[in-house]
N, C-alpha and C. Protein backbone atom coordinates (compact mmCIF):
# COMPACT_ATOMS: atom_id res chain seq x y z
N MET A 1 -45.29 -91.38 35.01
CA MET A 1 -46.53 -91.31 34.34
C MET A 1 -47.40 -90.21 34.85
N LYS A 2 -47.30 -89.93 36.21
CA LYS A 2 -48.09 -88.85 36.77
C LYS A 2 -47.67 -87.50 36.17
N CYS A 3 -46.42 -87.34 35.91
CA CYS A 3 -45.89 -86.10 35.33
C CYS A 3 -46.43 -85.85 33.94
N VAL A 4 -46.46 -86.90 33.10
CA VAL A 4 -46.97 -86.81 31.77
C VAL A 4 -48.46 -86.47 31.78
N PHE A 5 -49.21 -87.14 32.70
CA PHE A 5 -50.62 -86.89 32.86
C PHE A 5 -50.88 -85.44 33.22
N LEU A 6 -50.03 -84.94 34.11
CA LEU A 6 -50.17 -83.55 34.58
C LEU A 6 -49.89 -82.57 33.46
N ILE A 7 -48.96 -82.88 32.65
CA ILE A 7 -48.70 -82.08 31.42
C ILE A 7 -49.85 -82.03 30.49
N ALA A 8 -50.46 -83.21 30.30
CA ALA A 8 -51.64 -83.22 29.48
C ALA A 8 -52.83 -82.42 30.01
N LEU A 9 -53.01 -82.54 31.29
CA LEU A 9 -54.09 -81.73 31.94
C LEU A 9 -53.79 -80.25 31.86
N LEU A 10 -52.55 -79.84 32.06
CA LEU A 10 -52.21 -78.42 31.97
C LEU A 10 -52.39 -77.90 30.55
N SER A 11 -52.04 -78.73 29.54
CA SER A 11 -52.21 -78.34 28.15
C SER A 11 -53.71 -78.12 27.82
N ILE A 12 -54.53 -79.06 28.21
CA ILE A 12 -55.94 -78.96 28.00
C ILE A 12 -56.50 -77.66 28.73
N SER A 13 -56.04 -77.39 29.89
CA SER A 13 -56.55 -76.24 30.66
C SER A 13 -56.20 -74.97 30.10
N MET A 14 -55.13 -74.88 29.22
CA MET A 14 -54.72 -73.66 28.64
C MET A 14 -55.82 -73.03 27.78
N CYS A 15 -56.63 -73.87 27.14
CA CYS A 15 -57.68 -73.27 26.29
C CYS A 15 -58.80 -72.69 27.15
N PHE A 16 -58.93 -73.03 28.39
CA PHE A 16 -59.97 -72.52 29.21
C PHE A 16 -59.54 -71.43 30.13
N ALA A 17 -58.25 -71.04 30.05
CA ALA A 17 -57.68 -69.98 30.99
C ALA A 17 -58.26 -68.56 30.60
N ALA A 18 -58.47 -68.23 29.31
CA ALA A 18 -58.94 -66.93 28.94
C ALA A 18 -60.41 -66.76 29.21
N PRO A 19 -60.84 -65.53 29.40
CA PRO A 19 -62.25 -65.30 29.70
C PRO A 19 -63.11 -65.78 28.39
N ALA A 20 -64.22 -66.40 28.74
CA ALA A 20 -65.06 -67.02 27.73
C ALA A 20 -65.52 -65.98 26.62
N ASP A 21 -65.75 -64.71 27.02
CA ASP A 21 -66.25 -63.77 26.05
C ASP A 21 -65.16 -63.31 25.13
N GLU A 22 -63.90 -63.54 25.33
CA GLU A 22 -62.79 -63.10 24.45
C GLU A 22 -62.44 -64.17 23.44
N VAL A 23 -62.33 -65.41 23.80
CA VAL A 23 -61.86 -66.46 22.96
C VAL A 23 -62.89 -67.56 22.91
N GLN A 24 -63.17 -67.98 21.71
CA GLN A 24 -64.13 -69.12 21.51
C GLN A 24 -63.40 -70.34 20.96
N ILE A 25 -63.81 -71.51 21.41
CA ILE A 25 -63.30 -72.77 20.83
C ILE A 25 -64.08 -72.96 19.49
N VAL A 26 -63.39 -73.04 18.40
CA VAL A 26 -64.03 -73.14 17.10
C VAL A 26 -63.98 -74.56 16.59
N LYS A 27 -63.06 -75.41 17.15
CA LYS A 27 -62.95 -76.80 16.70
C LYS A 27 -62.34 -77.61 17.86
N GLN A 28 -63.00 -78.74 18.13
CA GLN A 28 -62.44 -79.59 19.24
C GLN A 28 -62.73 -81.02 18.90
N GLU A 29 -61.78 -81.88 19.06
CA GLU A 29 -61.92 -83.27 18.81
C GLU A 29 -61.14 -84.05 19.90
N SER A 30 -61.68 -85.16 20.32
CA SER A 30 -60.88 -85.98 21.32
C SER A 30 -61.36 -87.43 21.16
N GLN A 31 -60.42 -88.32 21.51
CA GLN A 31 -60.73 -89.73 21.52
C GLN A 31 -59.89 -90.41 22.62
N VAL A 32 -60.55 -91.24 23.41
CA VAL A 32 -59.86 -91.97 24.43
C VAL A 32 -59.86 -93.40 23.96
N LEU A 33 -58.66 -94.07 23.99
CA LEU A 33 -58.49 -95.36 23.52
C LEU A 33 -58.00 -96.24 24.75
N ALA A 34 -58.07 -97.57 24.60
CA ALA A 34 -57.58 -98.45 25.67
C ALA A 34 -56.08 -98.27 25.94
N ASP A 35 -55.33 -97.89 24.87
CA ASP A 35 -53.91 -97.76 25.08
C ASP A 35 -53.37 -96.31 24.80
N GLY A 36 -54.25 -95.34 24.97
CA GLY A 36 -53.81 -93.93 24.80
C GLY A 36 -54.97 -92.99 24.56
N TYR A 37 -54.66 -91.88 23.96
CA TYR A 37 -55.70 -90.87 23.66
C TYR A 37 -55.17 -89.91 22.61
N ASN A 38 -56.03 -89.09 22.06
CA ASN A 38 -55.62 -88.01 21.19
C ASN A 38 -56.68 -86.88 21.34
N PHE A 39 -56.25 -85.67 21.13
CA PHE A 39 -57.19 -84.55 21.19
C PHE A 39 -56.59 -83.39 20.35
N SER A 40 -57.47 -82.58 19.93
CA SER A 40 -56.98 -81.32 19.20
C SER A 40 -58.16 -80.23 19.45
N TYR A 41 -57.65 -78.98 19.44
CA TYR A 41 -58.62 -77.94 19.49
C TYR A 41 -58.05 -76.70 18.79
N GLU A 42 -58.88 -75.79 18.34
CA GLU A 42 -58.47 -74.56 17.75
C GLU A 42 -59.41 -73.47 18.24
N THR A 43 -58.87 -72.30 18.59
CA THR A 43 -59.64 -71.22 19.19
C THR A 43 -59.76 -70.02 18.16
N SER A 44 -60.69 -69.16 18.41
CA SER A 44 -60.94 -68.04 17.54
C SER A 44 -59.75 -67.05 17.45
N ASP A 45 -58.78 -67.12 18.30
CA ASP A 45 -57.64 -66.23 18.27
C ASP A 45 -56.50 -66.79 17.45
N GLY A 46 -56.68 -67.99 16.88
CA GLY A 46 -55.69 -68.66 16.02
C GLY A 46 -54.88 -69.59 16.77
N SER A 47 -55.04 -69.73 18.10
CA SER A 47 -54.25 -70.73 18.83
C SER A 47 -54.86 -72.17 18.54
N LYS A 48 -53.93 -73.10 18.50
CA LYS A 48 -54.37 -74.48 18.32
C LYS A 48 -53.43 -75.49 19.00
N GLN A 49 -53.90 -76.56 19.31
CA GLN A 49 -53.05 -77.64 19.90
C GLN A 49 -53.54 -78.95 19.52
N GLU A 50 -52.64 -79.94 19.29
CA GLU A 50 -52.98 -81.34 19.12
C GLU A 50 -52.03 -82.17 19.95
N GLN A 51 -52.55 -83.31 20.37
CA GLN A 51 -51.68 -84.18 21.28
C GLN A 51 -52.17 -85.60 21.07
N GLN A 52 -51.17 -86.48 21.07
CA GLN A 52 -51.42 -87.92 20.93
C GLN A 52 -50.59 -88.60 22.03
N ALA A 53 -51.16 -89.66 22.59
CA ALA A 53 -50.39 -90.45 23.58
C ALA A 53 -50.71 -91.98 23.34
N THR A 54 -49.72 -92.78 23.50
CA THR A 54 -49.83 -94.15 23.43
C THR A 54 -49.11 -94.80 24.63
N LEU A 55 -49.56 -95.95 25.00
CA LEU A 55 -49.01 -96.64 26.12
C LEU A 55 -47.75 -97.44 25.64
N LYS A 56 -46.62 -97.15 26.29
CA LYS A 56 -45.37 -97.76 25.97
C LYS A 56 -44.92 -98.76 27.05
N LYS A 57 -44.57 -99.98 26.62
CA LYS A 57 -44.10 -100.98 27.57
C LYS A 57 -42.61 -100.70 27.94
N LEU A 58 -42.37 -100.36 29.19
CA LEU A 58 -40.97 -100.16 29.62
C LEU A 58 -40.32 -101.38 30.22
N GLY A 59 -41.13 -102.24 30.66
CA GLY A 59 -40.67 -103.45 31.31
C GLY A 59 -41.74 -104.43 31.51
N PRO A 60 -41.53 -105.58 32.05
CA PRO A 60 -42.54 -106.66 32.19
C PRO A 60 -43.80 -106.13 32.96
N GLU A 61 -43.55 -105.25 33.94
CA GLU A 61 -44.71 -104.79 34.74
C GLU A 61 -44.72 -103.22 34.79
N GLU A 62 -44.12 -102.56 33.77
CA GLU A 62 -44.05 -101.09 33.88
C GLU A 62 -44.44 -100.50 32.52
N ASP A 63 -45.49 -99.67 32.55
CA ASP A 63 -45.92 -99.01 31.30
C ASP A 63 -45.84 -97.46 31.55
N ALA A 64 -45.71 -96.73 30.45
CA ALA A 64 -45.66 -95.26 30.55
C ALA A 64 -46.34 -94.68 29.28
N LEU A 65 -46.81 -93.50 29.43
CA LEU A 65 -47.38 -92.86 28.28
C LEU A 65 -46.25 -92.19 27.42
N GLN A 66 -46.32 -92.34 26.12
CA GLN A 66 -45.44 -91.63 25.18
C GLN A 66 -46.31 -90.58 24.55
N VAL A 67 -46.10 -89.31 24.87
CA VAL A 67 -46.94 -88.24 24.43
C VAL A 67 -46.20 -87.36 23.42
N SER A 68 -46.88 -86.97 22.34
CA SER A 68 -46.28 -86.08 21.39
C SER A 68 -47.40 -85.12 20.89
N GLY A 69 -46.93 -83.95 20.52
CA GLY A 69 -47.98 -82.98 20.01
C GLY A 69 -47.35 -81.65 19.64
N SER A 70 -48.18 -80.73 19.44
CA SER A 70 -47.77 -79.37 19.09
C SER A 70 -48.81 -78.36 19.55
N TYR A 71 -48.38 -77.09 19.65
CA TYR A 71 -49.31 -76.01 19.94
C TYR A 71 -48.79 -74.82 19.20
N THR A 72 -49.71 -73.96 18.75
CA THR A 72 -49.40 -72.78 17.97
C THR A 72 -50.21 -71.62 18.65
N TYR A 73 -49.56 -70.50 18.74
CA TYR A 73 -50.18 -69.28 19.34
C TYR A 73 -49.63 -68.10 18.66
N VAL A 74 -50.32 -66.91 18.76
CA VAL A 74 -49.90 -65.66 18.31
C VAL A 74 -49.32 -64.89 19.52
N GLY A 75 -48.06 -64.53 19.47
CA GLY A 75 -47.42 -63.81 20.55
C GLY A 75 -47.82 -62.35 20.64
N ASP A 76 -47.44 -61.68 21.65
CA ASP A 76 -47.72 -60.28 21.82
C ASP A 76 -47.13 -59.42 20.77
N ASP A 77 -46.16 -59.95 20.08
CA ASP A 77 -45.43 -59.19 18.97
C ASP A 77 -46.17 -59.41 17.63
N GLY A 78 -47.29 -60.21 17.68
CA GLY A 78 -48.05 -60.47 16.47
C GLY A 78 -47.55 -61.64 15.61
N GLN A 79 -46.41 -62.21 15.95
CA GLN A 79 -45.84 -63.36 15.34
C GLN A 79 -46.49 -64.67 15.77
N THR A 80 -46.57 -65.57 14.81
CA THR A 80 -47.13 -66.89 15.12
C THR A 80 -45.94 -67.83 15.57
N TYR A 81 -46.17 -68.51 16.71
CA TYR A 81 -45.18 -69.42 17.26
C TYR A 81 -45.68 -70.83 17.27
N THR A 82 -44.88 -71.82 16.93
CA THR A 82 -45.22 -73.23 17.03
C THR A 82 -44.26 -73.97 17.83
N VAL A 83 -44.75 -74.82 18.72
CA VAL A 83 -43.90 -75.69 19.59
C VAL A 83 -44.34 -77.07 19.31
N THR A 84 -43.37 -77.93 19.00
CA THR A 84 -43.68 -79.37 18.93
C THR A 84 -42.92 -80.01 20.12
N TYR A 85 -43.53 -81.11 20.61
CA TYR A 85 -42.91 -81.69 21.84
C TYR A 85 -43.17 -83.16 21.92
N THR A 86 -42.30 -83.78 22.73
CA THR A 86 -42.53 -85.21 23.11
C THR A 86 -42.34 -85.21 24.64
N ALA A 87 -43.14 -86.01 25.28
CA ALA A 87 -42.96 -86.23 26.73
C ALA A 87 -43.05 -87.70 26.97
N ASN A 88 -42.00 -88.21 27.59
CA ASN A 88 -41.89 -89.57 27.85
C ASN A 88 -41.04 -89.91 29.10
N GLU A 89 -40.47 -91.08 29.20
CA GLU A 89 -39.64 -91.37 30.36
C GLU A 89 -38.38 -90.54 30.41
N ASN A 90 -38.08 -89.82 29.32
CA ASN A 90 -36.90 -88.93 29.31
C ASN A 90 -37.31 -87.54 29.58
N GLY A 91 -38.55 -87.20 29.94
CA GLY A 91 -39.02 -85.85 30.26
C GLY A 91 -39.74 -85.17 29.16
N PHE A 92 -39.96 -83.91 29.36
CA PHE A 92 -40.64 -83.00 28.37
C PHE A 92 -39.60 -82.41 27.46
N GLN A 93 -39.73 -82.61 26.14
CA GLN A 93 -38.71 -82.18 25.15
C GLN A 93 -39.35 -81.24 24.13
N PRO A 94 -39.44 -79.94 24.30
CA PRO A 94 -40.05 -79.09 23.37
C PRO A 94 -39.03 -78.64 22.26
N GLN A 95 -39.55 -78.35 21.09
CA GLN A 95 -38.75 -77.79 19.96
C GLN A 95 -39.52 -76.75 19.31
N GLY A 96 -38.83 -75.67 18.81
CA GLY A 96 -39.47 -74.60 18.16
C GLY A 96 -38.34 -73.67 17.66
N ALA A 97 -38.69 -72.94 16.58
CA ALA A 97 -37.65 -72.00 16.04
C ALA A 97 -37.25 -70.96 17.01
N HIS A 98 -38.16 -70.63 17.97
CA HIS A 98 -37.86 -69.55 18.85
C HIS A 98 -37.35 -70.08 20.21
N ILE A 99 -37.20 -71.38 20.36
CA ILE A 99 -36.67 -71.91 21.57
C ILE A 99 -35.17 -72.19 21.43
N PRO A 100 -34.39 -71.63 22.36
CA PRO A 100 -32.85 -71.81 22.28
C PRO A 100 -32.53 -73.26 22.32
N HIS A 101 -31.55 -73.69 21.58
CA HIS A 101 -31.02 -75.07 21.67
C HIS A 101 -29.93 -75.13 22.74
N VAL A 102 -30.06 -76.12 23.57
CA VAL A 102 -29.06 -76.19 24.66
C VAL A 102 -28.07 -77.28 24.37
């Protein structure tokens, strides 16, 4: 669960990594629930991210977050890339047209 939480924090921090005068947040929403959370944001450079998490029962005394979401960005080549992902007890599982299948 610590790993999934770290992924969520890193994802949120991505929008704050660029200098404030270059990229503006144009839309941001978030909701914290008793059994999960969701958030989304969009920036002035066309990047966006959304993520949802729910608490999943793994056993009688073991819970874990089931996280899913996507992010979109414009690469240095001018092309728009989208990654969808799931993060759970099986690890981080990204998918995208530009990501090689293993």
